[in-house]
């Protein structure tokens, strides 16, 4: 999940850049997807939380309470 969310966000940002000014227009769905991914990344803390979970699984040390 950590890698998937990060890659999807990276791809959405590239798609926005590729579309130039149209990347932020309502008529295209690029910006909508990017905003959804940014939201998920923020409220779930996907990258950070999953990094902590993976670290705990590998080391056996609890990094959070």
PDB file of N, CA and C in Angstrom:
ATOM      1  N   UNK A   1       0.830  -1.188   0.000  1.00  0.00           N
ATOM      2  CA  UNK A   1       0.000   0.000   0.000  1.00  0.00           C
ATOM      3  C   UNK A   1       0.874   1.251   0.000  1.00  0.00           C
ATOM      4  N   UNK A   2       1.952   1.199   0.781  1.00  0.00           N
ATOM      5  CA  UNK A   2       2.847   2.361   0.862  1.00  0.00           C
ATOM      6  C   UNK A   2       3.420   2.691  -0.513  1.00  0.00           C
ATOM      7  N   UNK A   3       3.936   1.686  -1.187  1.00  0.00           N
ATOM      8  CA  UNK A   3       4.541   1.895  -2.498  1.00  0.00           C
ATOM      9  C   UNK A   3       3.494   2.266  -3.540  1.00  0.00           C
ATOM     10  N   UNK A   4       2.347   1.609  -3.506  1.00  0.00           N
ATOM     11  CA  UNK A   4       1.291   1.883  -4.488  1.00  0.00           C
ATOM     12  C   UNK A   4       0.810   3.320  -4.412  1.00  0.00           C
ATOM     13  N   UNK A   5       0.570   3.805  -3.211  1.00  0.00           N
ATOM     14  CA  UNK A   5       0.086   5.176  -3.042  1.00  0.00           C
ATOM     15  C   UNK A   5       1.148   6.176  -3.502  1.00  0.00           C
ATOM     16  N   UNK A   6       2.389   5.926  -3.138  1.00  0.00           N
ATOM     17  CA  UNK A   6       3.478   6.820  -3.540  1.00  0.00           C
ATOM     18  C   UNK A   6       3.654   6.868  -5.048  1.00  0.00           C
ATOM     19  N   UNK A   7       3.616   5.707  -5.689  1.00  0.00           N
ATOM     20  CA  UNK A   7       3.767   5.648  -7.151  1.00  0.00           C
ATOM     21  C   UNK A   7       2.579   6.290  -7.858  1.00  0.00           C
ATOM     22  N   UNK A   8       1.365   6.046  -7.365  1.00  0.00           N
ATOM     23  CA  UNK A   8       0.177   6.643  -7.975  1.00  0.00           C
ATOM     24  C   UNK A   8       0.235   8.160  -7.884  1.00  0.00           C
ATOM     25  N   UNK A   9       0.675   8.677  -6.752  1.00  0.00           N
ATOM     26  CA  UNK A   9       0.800  10.121  -6.576  1.00  0.00           C
ATOM     27  C   UNK A   9       1.867  10.683  -7.512  1.00  0.00           C
ATOM     28  N   UNK A  10       2.972   9.991  -7.637  1.00  0.00           N
ATOM     29  CA  UNK A  10       4.047  10.416  -8.541  1.00  0.00           C
ATOM     30  C   UNK A  10       3.552  10.455  -9.992  1.00  0.00           C
ATOM     31  N   UNK A  11       2.800   9.434 -10.392  1.00  0.00           N
ATOM     32  CA  UNK A  11       2.271   9.367 -11.755  1.00  0.00           C
ATOM     33  C   UNK A  11       1.236  10.461 -11.990  1.00  0.00           C
ATOM     34  N   UNK A  12       0.373  10.717 -11.009  1.00  0.00           N
ATOM     35  CA  UNK A  12      -0.628  11.776 -11.149  1.00  0.00           C
ATOM     36  C   UNK A  12       0.043  13.138 -11.282  1.00  0.00           C
ATOM     37  N   UNK A  13       1.117  13.356 -10.538  1.00  0.00           N
ATOM     38  CA  UNK A  13       1.853  14.625 -10.652  1.00  0.00           C
ATOM     39  C   UNK A  13       2.497  14.758 -12.031  1.00  0.00           C
ATOM     40  N   UNK A  14       3.046  13.658 -12.552  1.00  0.00           N
ATOM     41  CA  UNK A  14       3.635  13.694 -13.903  1.00  0.00           C
ATOM     42  C   UNK A  14       2.558  13.966 -14.952  1.00  0.00           C
ATOM     43  N   UNK A  15       1.392  13.339 -14.785  1.00  0.00           N
ATOM     44  CA  UNK A  15       0.296  13.548 -15.733  1.00  0.00           C
ATOM     45  C   UNK A  15      -0.153  15.002 -15.713  1.00  0.00           C
ATOM     46  N   UNK A  16      -0.227  15.594 -14.531  1.00  0.00           N
ATOM     47  CA  UNK A  16      -0.585  17.011 -14.420  1.00  0.00           C
ATOM     48  C   UNK A  16       0.437  17.865 -15.149  1.00  0.00           C
ATOM     49  N   UNK A  17       1.716  17.576 -14.951  1.00  0.00           N
ATOM     50  CA  UNK A  17       2.773  18.332 -15.625  1.00  0.00           C
ATOM     51  C   UNK A  17       2.712  18.152 -17.141  1.00  0.00           C
ATOM     52  N   UNK A  18       2.422  16.940 -17.589  1.00  0.00           N
ATOM     53  CA  UNK A  18       2.353  16.663 -19.026  1.00  0.00           C
ATOM     54  C   UNK A  18       1.202  17.418 -19.690  1.00  0.00           C
ATOM     55  N   UNK A  19       0.121  17.620 -18.951  1.00  0.00           N
ATOM     56  CA  UNK A  19      -1.032  18.327 -19.502  1.00  0.00           C
ATOM     57  C   UNK A  19      -0.861  19.842 -19.450  1.00  0.00           C
ATOM     58  N   UNK A  20       0.178  20.317 -18.795  1.00  0.00           N
ATOM     59  CA  UNK A  20       0.409  21.759 -18.706  1.00  0.00           C
ATOM     60  C   UNK A  20      -0.752  22.456 -18.018  1.00  0.00           C
ATOM     61  N   UNK A  21      -1.233  23.540 -18.608  1.00  0.00           N
ATOM     62  CA  UNK A  21      -2.344  24.299 -18.035  1.00  0.00           C
ATOM     63  C   UNK A  21      -3.630  23.501 -17.962  1.00  0.00           C
ATOM     64  N   UNK A  22      -3.808  22.564 -18.886  1.00  0.00           N
ATOM     65  CA  UNK A  22      -5.009  21.728 -18.872  1.00  0.00           C
ATOM     66  C   UNK A  22      -4.997  20.736 -17.712  1.00  0.00           C
ATOM     67  N   UNK A  23      -3.838  20.518 -17.112  1.00  0.00           N
ATOM     68  CA  UNK A  23      -3.731  19.585 -15.995  1.00  0.00           C
ATOM     69  C   UNK A  23      -4.503  20.022 -14.767  1.00  0.00           C
ATOM     70  N   UNK A  24      -4.815  21.315 -14.692  1.00  0.00           N
ATOM     71  CA  UNK A  24      -5.577  21.809 -13.539  1.00  0.00           C
ATOM     72  C   UNK A  24      -6.998  22.217 -13.929  1.00  0.00           C
ATOM     73  N   UNK A  25      -7.383  21.962 -15.169  1.00  0.00           N
ATOM     74  CA  UNK A  25      -8.721  22.311 -15.648  1.00  0.00           C
ATOM     75  C   UNK A  25      -9.745  21.267 -15.205  1.00  0.00           C
ATOM     76  N   UNK A  26     -10.979  21.730 -14.991  1.00  0.00           N
ATOM     77  CA  UNK A  26     -12.067  20.840 -14.567  1.00  0.00           C
ATOM     78  C   UNK A  26     -12.457  19.820 -15.635  1.00  0.00           C
ATOM     79  N   UNK A  27     -12.238  20.148 -16.897  1.00  0.00           N
ATOM     80  CA  UNK A  27     -12.681  19.255 -17.967  1.00  0.00           C
ATOM     81  C   UNK A  27     -11.855  17.973 -18.063  1.00  0.00           C
ATOM     82  N   UNK A  28     -10.688  17.962 -17.430  1.00  0.00           N
ATOM     83  CA  UNK A  28      -9.848  16.770 -17.395  1.00  0.00           C
ATOM     84  C   UNK A  28      -9.818  16.240 -15.965  1.00  0.00           C
ATOM     85  N   UNK A  29      -9.636  14.948 -15.808  1.00  0.00           N
ATOM     86  CA  UNK A  29      -9.708  14.328 -14.486  1.00  0.00           C
ATOM     87  C   UNK A  29      -8.360  14.212 -13.786  1.00  0.00           C
ATOM     88  N   UNK A  30      -7.321  14.727 -14.409  1.00  0.00           N
ATOM     89  CA  UNK A  30      -5.976  14.595 -13.843  1.00  0.00           C
ATOM     90  C   UNK A  30      -5.897  15.219 -12.454  1.00  0.00           C
ATOM     91  N   UNK A  31      -6.359  16.444 -12.331  1.00  0.00           N
ATOM     92  CA  UNK A  31      -6.256  17.154 -11.052  1.00  0.00           C
ATOM     93  C   UNK A  31      -7.134  16.494  -9.986  1.00  0.00           C
ATOM     94  N   UNK A  32      -8.292  16.003 -10.370  1.00  0.00           N
ATOM     95  CA  UNK A  32      -9.175  15.329  -9.413  1.00  0.00           C
ATOM     96  C   UNK A  32      -8.488  14.103  -8.819  1.00  0.00           C
ATOM     97  N   UNK A  33      -7.848  13.313  -9.665  1.00  0.00           N
ATOM     98  CA  UNK A  33      -7.140  12.131  -9.175  1.00  0.00           C
ATOM     99  C   UNK A  33      -5.975  12.531  -8.274  1.00  0.00           C
ATOM    100  N   UNK A  34      -5.249  13.575  -8.671  1.00  0.00           N
ATOM    101  CA  UNK A  34      -4.109  13.992  -7.872  1.00  0.00           C
ATOM    102  C   UNK A  34      -4.555  14.493  -6.500  1.00  0.00           C
ATOM    103  N   UNK A  35      -5.632  15.262  -6.461  1.00  0.00           N
ATOM    104  CA  UNK A  35      -6.148  15.766  -5.183  1.00  0.00           C
ATOM    105  C   UNK A  35      -6.617  14.610  -4.306  1.00  0.00           C
ATOM    106  N   UNK A  36      -7.299  13.622  -4.888  1.00  0.00           N
ATOM    107  CA  UNK A  36      -7.729  12.454  -4.113  1.00  0.00           C
ATOM    108  C   UNK A  36      -6.534  11.719  -3.516  1.00  0.00           C
ATOM    109  N   UNK A  37      -5.493  11.540  -4.305  1.00  0.00           N
ATOM    110  CA  UNK A  37      -4.299  10.847  -3.812  1.00  0.00           C
ATOM    111  C   UNK A  37      -3.578  11.657  -2.743  1.00  0.00           C
ATOM    112  N   UNK A  38      -3.509  12.972  -2.921  1.00  0.00           N
ATOM    113  CA  UNK A  38      -2.891  13.835  -1.903  1.00  0.00           C
ATOM    114  C   UNK A  38      -3.672  13.734  -0.597  1.00  0.00           C
ATOM    115  N   UNK A  39      -5.000  13.706  -0.702  1.00  0.00           N
ATOM    116  CA  UNK A  39      -5.847  13.611   0.484  1.00  0.00           C
ATOM    117  C   UNK A  39      -5.615  12.296   1.214  1.00  0.00           C
ATOM    118  N   UNK A  40      -5.608  11.206   0.486  1.00  0.00           N
ATOM    119  CA  UNK A  40      -5.371   9.891   1.091  1.00  0.00           C
ATOM    120  C   UNK A  40      -3.998   9.853   1.750  1.00  0.00           C
ATOM    121  N   UNK A  41      -3.009  10.378   1.059  1.00  0.00           N
ATOM    122  CA  UNK A  41      -1.646  10.394   1.588  1.00  0.00           C
ATOM    123  C   UNK A  41      -1.571  11.211   2.876  1.00  0.00           C
ATOM    124  N   UNK A  42      -2.346  12.294   2.955  1.00  0.00           N
ATOM    125  CA  UNK A  42      -2.322  13.162   4.130  1.00  0.00           C
ATOM    126  C   UNK A  42      -3.094  12.564   5.297  1.00  0.00           C
ATOM    127  N   UNK A  43      -4.368  12.192   5.084  1.00  0.00           N
ATOM    128  CA  UNK A  43      -5.168  11.762   6.234  1.00  0.00           C
ATOM    129  C   UNK A  43      -4.815  10.367   6.710  1.00  0.00           C
ATOM    130  N   UNK A  44      -4.309   9.523   5.846  1.00  0.00           N
ATOM    131  CA  UNK A  44      -3.887   8.199   6.298  1.00  0.00           C
ATOM    132  C   UNK A  44      -2.440   8.204   6.760  1.00  0.00           C
ATOM    133  N   UNK A  45      -1.679   9.231   6.372  1.00  0.00           N
ATOM    134  CA  UNK A  45      -0.261   9.239   6.684  1.00  0.00           C
ATOM    135  C   UNK A  45       0.406   8.023   6.075  1.00  0.00           C
ATOM    136  N   UNK A  46      -0.080   7.652   4.903  1.00  0.00           N
ATOM    137  CA  UNK A  46       0.288   6.382   4.283  1.00  0.00           C
ATOM    138  C   UNK A  46       1.783   6.108   4.298  1.00  0.00           C
ATOM    139  N   UNK A  47       2.557   7.027   3.783  1.00  0.00           N
ATOM    140  CA  UNK A  47       3.996   6.794   3.658  1.00  0.00           C
ATOM    141  C   UNK A  47       4.645   6.601   5.022  1.00  0.00           C
ATOM    142  N   UNK A  48       4.386   7.517   5.943  1.00  0.00           N
ATOM    143  CA  UNK A  48       5.037   7.471   7.257  1.00  0.00           C
ATOM    144  C   UNK A  48       4.577   6.285   8.096  1.00  0.00           C
ATOM    145  N   UNK A  49       3.278   6.066   8.157  1.00  0.00           N
ATOM    146  CA  UNK A  49       2.744   4.986   8.979  1.00  0.00           C
ATOM    147  C   UNK A  49       3.216   3.625   8.464  1.00  0.00           C
ATOM    148  N   UNK A  50       3.162   3.439   7.164  1.00  0.00           N
ATOM    149  CA  UNK A  50       3.594   2.153   6.621  1.00  0.00           C
ATOM    150  C   UNK A  50       5.095   1.947   6.761  1.00  0.00           C
ATOM    151  N   UNK A  51       5.868   3.024   6.716  1.00  0.00           N
ATOM    152  CA  UNK A  51       7.310   2.897   6.958  1.00  0.00           C
ATOM    153  C   UNK A  51       7.559   2.425   8.388  1.00  0.00           C
ATOM    154  N   UNK A  52       6.792   2.955   9.350  1.00  0.00           N
ATOM    155  CA  UNK A  52       6.930   2.530  10.743  1.00  0.00           C
ATOM    156  C   UNK A  52       6.514   1.068  10.922  1.00  0.00           C
ATOM    157  N   UNK A  53       5.433   0.680  10.263  1.00  0.00           N
ATOM    158  CA  UNK A  53       4.957  -0.703  10.367  1.00  0.00           C
ATOM    159  C   UNK A  53       5.976  -1.670   9.761  1.00  0.00           C
ATOM    160  N   UNK A  54       6.514  -1.315   8.603  1.00  0.00           N
ATOM    161  CA  UNK A  54       7.528  -2.173   7.976  1.00  0.00           C
ATOM    162  C   UNK A  54       8.785  -2.253   8.834  1.00  0.00           C
ATOM    163  N   UNK A  55       9.178  -1.131   9.424  1.00  0.00           N
ATOM    164  CA  UNK A  55      10.349  -1.125  10.302  1.00  0.00           C
ATOM    165  C   UNK A  55      10.151  -2.023  11.509  1.00  0.00           C
ATOM    166  N   UNK A  56       8.953  -1.976  12.092  1.00  0.00           N
ATOM    167  CA  UNK A  56       8.647  -2.831  13.242  1.00  0.00           C
ATOM    168  C   UNK A  56       8.677  -4.304  12.847  1.00  0.00           C
ATOM    169  N   UNK A  57       8.145  -4.605  11.669  1.00  0.00           N
ATOM    170  CA  UNK A  57       8.126  -5.997  11.209  1.00  0.00           C
ATOM    171  C   UNK A  57       9.540  -6.531  10.975  1.00  0.00           C
ATOM    172  N   UNK A  58      10.415  -5.674  10.515  1.00  0.00           N
ATOM    173  CA  UNK A  58      11.779  -6.115  10.209  1.00  0.00           C
ATOM    174  C   UNK A  58      12.676  -6.169  11.433  1.00  0.00           C
ATOM    175  N   UNK A  59      12.484  -5.212  12.360  1.00  0.00           N
ATOM    176  CA  UNK A  59      13.394  -5.131  13.510  1.00  0.00           C
ATOM    177  C   UNK A  59      12.799  -5.662  14.801  1.00  0.00           C
ATOM    178  N   UNK A  60      11.467  -5.694  14.879  1.00  0.00           N
ATOM    179  CA  UNK A  60      10.811  -6.101  16.114  1.00  0.00           C
ATOM    180  C   UNK A  60      10.722  -4.977  17.131  1.00  0.00           C
ATOM    181  N   UNK A  61      11.191  -3.780  16.774  1.00  0.00           N
ATOM    182  CA  UNK A  61      11.157  -2.628  17.677  1.00  0.00           C
ATOM    183  C   UNK A  61       9.960  -1.748  17.361  1.00  0.00           C
ATOM    184  N   UNK A  62       9.220  -1.375  18.404  1.00  0.00           N
ATOM    185  CA  UNK A  62       8.057  -0.510  18.264  1.00  0.00           C
ATOM    186  C   UNK A  62       8.525   0.940  18.156  1.00  0.00           C
ATOM    187  N   UNK A  63       8.194   1.622  17.059  1.00  0.00           N
ATOM    188  CA  UNK A  63       8.632   3.004  16.857  1.00  0.00           C
ATOM    189  C   UNK A  63       7.539   4.007  17.201  1.00  0.00           C
ATOM    190  N   UNK A  64       6.344   3.522  17.534  1.00  0.00           N
ATOM    191  CA  UNK A  64       5.245   4.424  17.875  1.00  0.00           C
ATOM    192  C   UNK A  64       4.404   3.797  18.969  1.00  0.00           C
ATOM    193  N   UNK A  65       3.614   4.657  19.623  1.00  0.00           N
ATOM    194  CA  UNK A  65       2.813   4.179  20.758  1.00  0.00           C
ATOM    195  C   UNK A  65       1.437   3.738  20.347  1.00  0.00           C
TER     196      UNK A  65
END
